[in-house]
C-alpha cells in the first residue's frame, strides 16, 4: 500500500480545519501530514482520531508567495513516504480520494497527475503538464523527485514546478480521478 506525505502551507485561515476534516479521515498510520504556518502562530486544530503522523511547524521569517517558499524549504525536511502531495489551507479533498490513489498509484517511481475541480472547471484540462493548466494539489509525486523541483515565487509557480519534475520523472501517469476541490471565499 503506498504511503503519502501531505504538505500544507498555511497563513492560519479558519478554513484549515475544513481542509483537515476532509483529509484526516482518509490518511492511514503509514502517512504523514506536515502543516507549516507562515510566520503566524499555529492555530488550535482538532486532529482527534487521526491515524497519520502529524508535524506542525511555524516558519519564521515569513516566506510568502502562496506557500511556494515553504514548499521549497520543507521538501528536504519531510519524513520519507512513497509520495508527496501539496495542498492549500482553504480547499478540500474529495471523499474517497485516497482510497482511489492507494489503488492506482502503485509505482513510487512515476509522477501521477490527478484532477482538481476549480468552480466546475476540471484541471488539468488534458493529459499534459502545462503552466496555467495544472494546480498545486494535482501531483502525486515520488518522494525524491519532489526535492528536485523549484516552486517559483509567482502566480503559476506551481505549474513551472510540475513542468520541471515531469521532465525528470521516470514516467507520468494521468488519472481521471478528481481528488480535490478548490474552495473560493471559504
Protein backbone atom coordinates (compact mmCIF):
# COMPACT_ATOMS: atom_id res chain seq x y z
CA UNK A 1 0.00 0.00 0.00
CA UNK A 2 1.52 3.36 -1.00
CA UNK A 3 2.17 5.98 1.67
CA UNK A 4 1.64 9.72 1.32
CA UNK A 5 3.11 12.83 2.93
CA UNK A 6 0.86 15.86 2.51
CA UNK A 7 2.44 19.29 2.97
CA UNK A 8 0.10 22.19 3.72
CA UNK A 9 1.39 25.76 3.80
CA UNK A 10 -0.92 27.89 5.94
CA UNK A 11 -1.43 31.52 6.83
CA UNK A 12 -3.68 30.48 9.71
CA UNK A 13 -7.03 30.65 7.93
CA UNK A 14 -10.02 29.20 9.82
CA UNK A 15 -10.67 27.11 6.68
CA UNK A 16 -7.65 24.95 7.56
CA UNK A 17 -9.88 22.91 9.88
CA UNK A 18 -12.30 22.29 6.99
CA UNK A 19 -9.36 21.03 4.93
CA UNK A 20 -8.28 18.75 7.78
CA UNK A 21 -11.83 17.43 8.21
CA UNK A 22 -11.74 16.31 4.56
CA UNK A 23 -8.20 14.92 4.73
CA UNK A 24 -7.54 13.27 8.09
CA UNK A 25 -10.20 10.53 7.86
CA UNK A 26 -8.54 9.40 4.60
CA UNK A 27 -4.98 9.11 5.92
CA UNK A 28 -3.55 5.92 7.47
CA UNK A 29 -0.81 5.19 10.01
CA UNK A 30 1.79 4.95 7.21
CA UNK A 31 1.03 8.53 6.09
CA UNK A 32 2.35 11.89 7.31
CA UNK A 33 0.84 15.36 7.37
CA UNK A 34 3.05 18.43 7.74
CA UNK A 35 1.44 21.81 8.32
CA UNK A 36 3.71 24.85 8.16
CA UNK A 37 2.36 28.17 9.41
CA UNK A 38 3.97 31.06 7.53
CA UNK A 39 5.10 33.33 10.40
CA UNK A 40 1.75 33.15 12.20
CA UNK A 41 1.05 31.35 15.45
CA UNK A 42 -0.24 27.83 14.81
CA UNK A 43 -3.99 27.76 15.33
CA UNK A 44 -5.80 25.28 17.55
CA UNK A 45 -6.67 22.29 15.38
CA UNK A 46 -8.92 19.31 16.00
CA UNK A 47 -6.94 16.25 14.90
CA UNK A 48 -8.74 13.79 17.16
CA UNK A 49 -8.93 10.32 15.67
CA UNK A 50 -6.18 10.95 13.11
CA UNK A 51 -4.18 7.82 12.30
CA UNK A 52 -1.35 9.58 10.43
CA UNK A 53 1.70 11.20 11.94
CA UNK A 54 1.22 14.97 12.20
CA UNK A 55 4.04 17.54 12.18
CA UNK A 56 3.31 21.22 12.85
CA UNK A 57 5.88 24.00 12.32
CA UNK A 58 5.97 27.77 12.42
CA UNK A 59 8.16 29.21 9.67
CA UNK A 60 9.83 32.48 10.57
CA UNK A 61 10.54 34.71 8.79
CA UNK A 62 7.53 34.68 6.51
CA UNK A 63 8.28 33.12 3.11
CA UNK A 64 5.00 34.19 1.42
CA UNK A 65 4.41 33.56 -2.28
CA UNK A 66 1.29 31.37 -1.87
CA UNK A 67 3.25 28.81 0.15
CA UNK A 68 5.77 28.22 -2.63
CA UNK A 69 8.71 29.24 -0.42
CA UNK A 70 7.58 26.83 2.28
CA UNK A 71 7.30 24.01 -0.26
CA UNK A 72 10.88 24.65 -1.40
CA UNK A 73 12.34 24.76 2.12
CA UNK A 74 10.38 21.88 3.62
CA UNK A 75 10.79 19.47 0.68
CA UNK A 76 14.12 18.46 2.19
CA UNK A 77 12.75 18.17 5.74
CA UNK A 78 9.79 15.82 5.19
CA UNK A 79 9.65 12.33 6.65
CA UNK A 80 10.04 9.74 3.90
CA UNK A 81 6.94 8.22 2.32
CA UNK A 82 6.35 6.82 -1.16
CA UNK A 83 4.73 10.03 -2.42
CA UNK A 84 4.50 13.72 -1.51
CA UNK A 85 1.41 15.83 -2.18
CA UNK A 86 0.83 19.56 -1.73
CA UNK A 87 -2.34 21.25 -0.51
CA UNK A 88 -3.61 24.68 0.44
CA UNK A 89 -5.31 25.59 3.70
CA UNK A 90 -8.53 26.78 2.09
CA UNK A 91 -9.58 23.83 -0.10
CA UNK A 92 -10.77 20.24 0.44
CA UNK A 93 -10.02 16.69 -0.63
CA UNK A 94 -12.90 14.76 -2.17
CA UNK A 95 -14.24 11.90 -0.06
CA UNK A 96 -12.64 8.61 -1.13
CA UNK A 97 -9.76 10.31 -2.96
CA UNK A 98 -7.04 8.49 -1.05
CA UNK A 99 -8.73 5.08 -1.37
CA UNK A 100 -8.59 5.63 -5.12
CA UNK A 101 -4.98 6.87 -5.02
CA UNK A 102 -3.89 3.86 -2.96
CA UNK A 103 -5.49 1.62 -5.57
CA UNK A 104 -3.99 3.37 -8.61
CA UNK A 105 -0.61 4.85 -7.55
CA UNK A 106 1.33 1.60 -7.19
CA UNK A 107 4.68 2.59 -8.71
CA UNK A 108 6.61 5.05 -6.50
CA UNK A 109 8.88 5.91 -9.44
CA UNK A 110 6.08 7.51 -11.51
CA UNK A 111 4.66 11.00 -11.21
CA UNK A 112 0.87 10.73 -11.10
CA UNK A 113 -1.31 13.70 -12.04
CA UNK A 114 -4.86 13.74 -10.66
CA UNK A 115 -7.66 16.19 -11.36
CA UNK A 116 -8.92 19.12 -9.31
CA UNK A 117 -12.27 20.89 -9.55
CA UNK A 118 -11.98 24.67 -9.56
CA UNK A 119 -15.52 26.05 -9.58
CA UNK A 120 -16.71 23.45 -12.09
CA UNK A 121 -13.64 23.64 -14.33
CA UNK A 122 -11.58 20.46 -14.15
CA UNK A 123 -7.78 20.80 -14.21
CA UNK A 124 -5.60 19.74 -15.86
CA UNK A 125 -7.67 20.23 -18.99
CA UNK A 126 -5.99 17.35 -20.84
CA UNK A 127 -3.25 14.77 -20.31
CA UNK A 128 -0.29 17.14 -20.21
CA UNK A 129 1.60 19.23 -17.67
CA UNK A 130 1.47 22.92 -18.56
CA UNK A 131 1.81 26.11 -16.56
CA UNK A 132 -1.59 27.70 -16.05
CA UNK A 133 -3.42 24.41 -16.54
CA UNK A 134 -2.27 22.42 -13.52
CA UNK A 135 -2.65 23.25 -9.86
CA UNK A 136 -0.78 22.79 -6.61
CA UNK A 137 -2.73 19.69 -5.47
CA UNK A 138 -2.67 17.74 -8.75
CA UNK A 139 0.62 15.89 -8.26
CA UNK A 140 1.22 12.60 -6.51
CA UNK A 141 4.99 12.98 -6.52
CA UNK A 142 7.68 10.36 -5.87
CA UNK A 143 9.43 11.38 -2.64
CA UNK A 144 12.90 12.07 -4.08
CA UNK A 145 11.52 13.72 -7.22
CA UNK A 146 9.72 16.26 -5.02
CA UNK A 147 13.13 17.56 -3.84
CA UNK A 148 14.32 18.21 -7.41
CA UNK A 149 11.77 20.86 -8.38
CA UNK A 150 11.53 24.55 -7.52
CA UNK A 151 8.31 26.38 -6.73
CA UNK A 152 8.73 29.85 -8.24
CA UNK A 153 7.57 32.84 -6.12
CA UNK A 154 4.85 33.95 -8.52
CA UNK A 155 1.42 33.04 -9.83
CA UNK A 156 1.96 29.96 -11.97
CA UNK A 157 4.93 28.84 -9.91
CA UNK A 158 3.16 25.56 -9.24
CA UNK A 159 2.85 24.91 -12.97
CA UNK A 160 6.55 25.54 -13.53
CA UNK A 161 7.35 23.17 -10.63
CA UNK A 162 5.32 20.40 -12.26
CA UNK A 163 6.79 21.07 -15.71
CA UNK A 164 10.28 20.71 -14.23
CA UNK A 165 9.68 17.49 -12.33
CA UNK A 166 7.69 15.91 -15.17
CA UNK A 167 10.81 16.16 -17.34
CA UNK A 168 12.80 14.33 -14.67
CA UNK A 169 10.21 11.67 -13.81
CA UNK A 170 10.65 8.07 -14.93
CA UNK A 171 7.11 8.24 -16.21
CA UNK A 172 3.99 10.40 -15.92
CA UNK A 173 0.55 8.83 -15.48
CA UNK A 174 -2.57 10.94 -15.86
CA UNK A 175 -5.54 9.97 -13.70
CA UNK A 176 -9.15 10.77 -14.49
CA UNK A 177 -9.92 10.94 -10.77
CA UNK A 178 -10.95 14.26 -9.20
CA UNK A 179 -9.26 14.30 -5.79
CA UNK A 180 -9.52 17.96 -4.76
CA UNK A 181 -11.92 20.91 -4.77
CA UNK A 182 -10.77 24.49 -4.74
CA UNK A 183 -12.93 26.47 -2.35
CA UNK A 184 -13.38 30.15 -3.15
CA UNK A 185 -14.15 32.59 -0.31
CA UNK A 186 -14.31 29.96 2.42
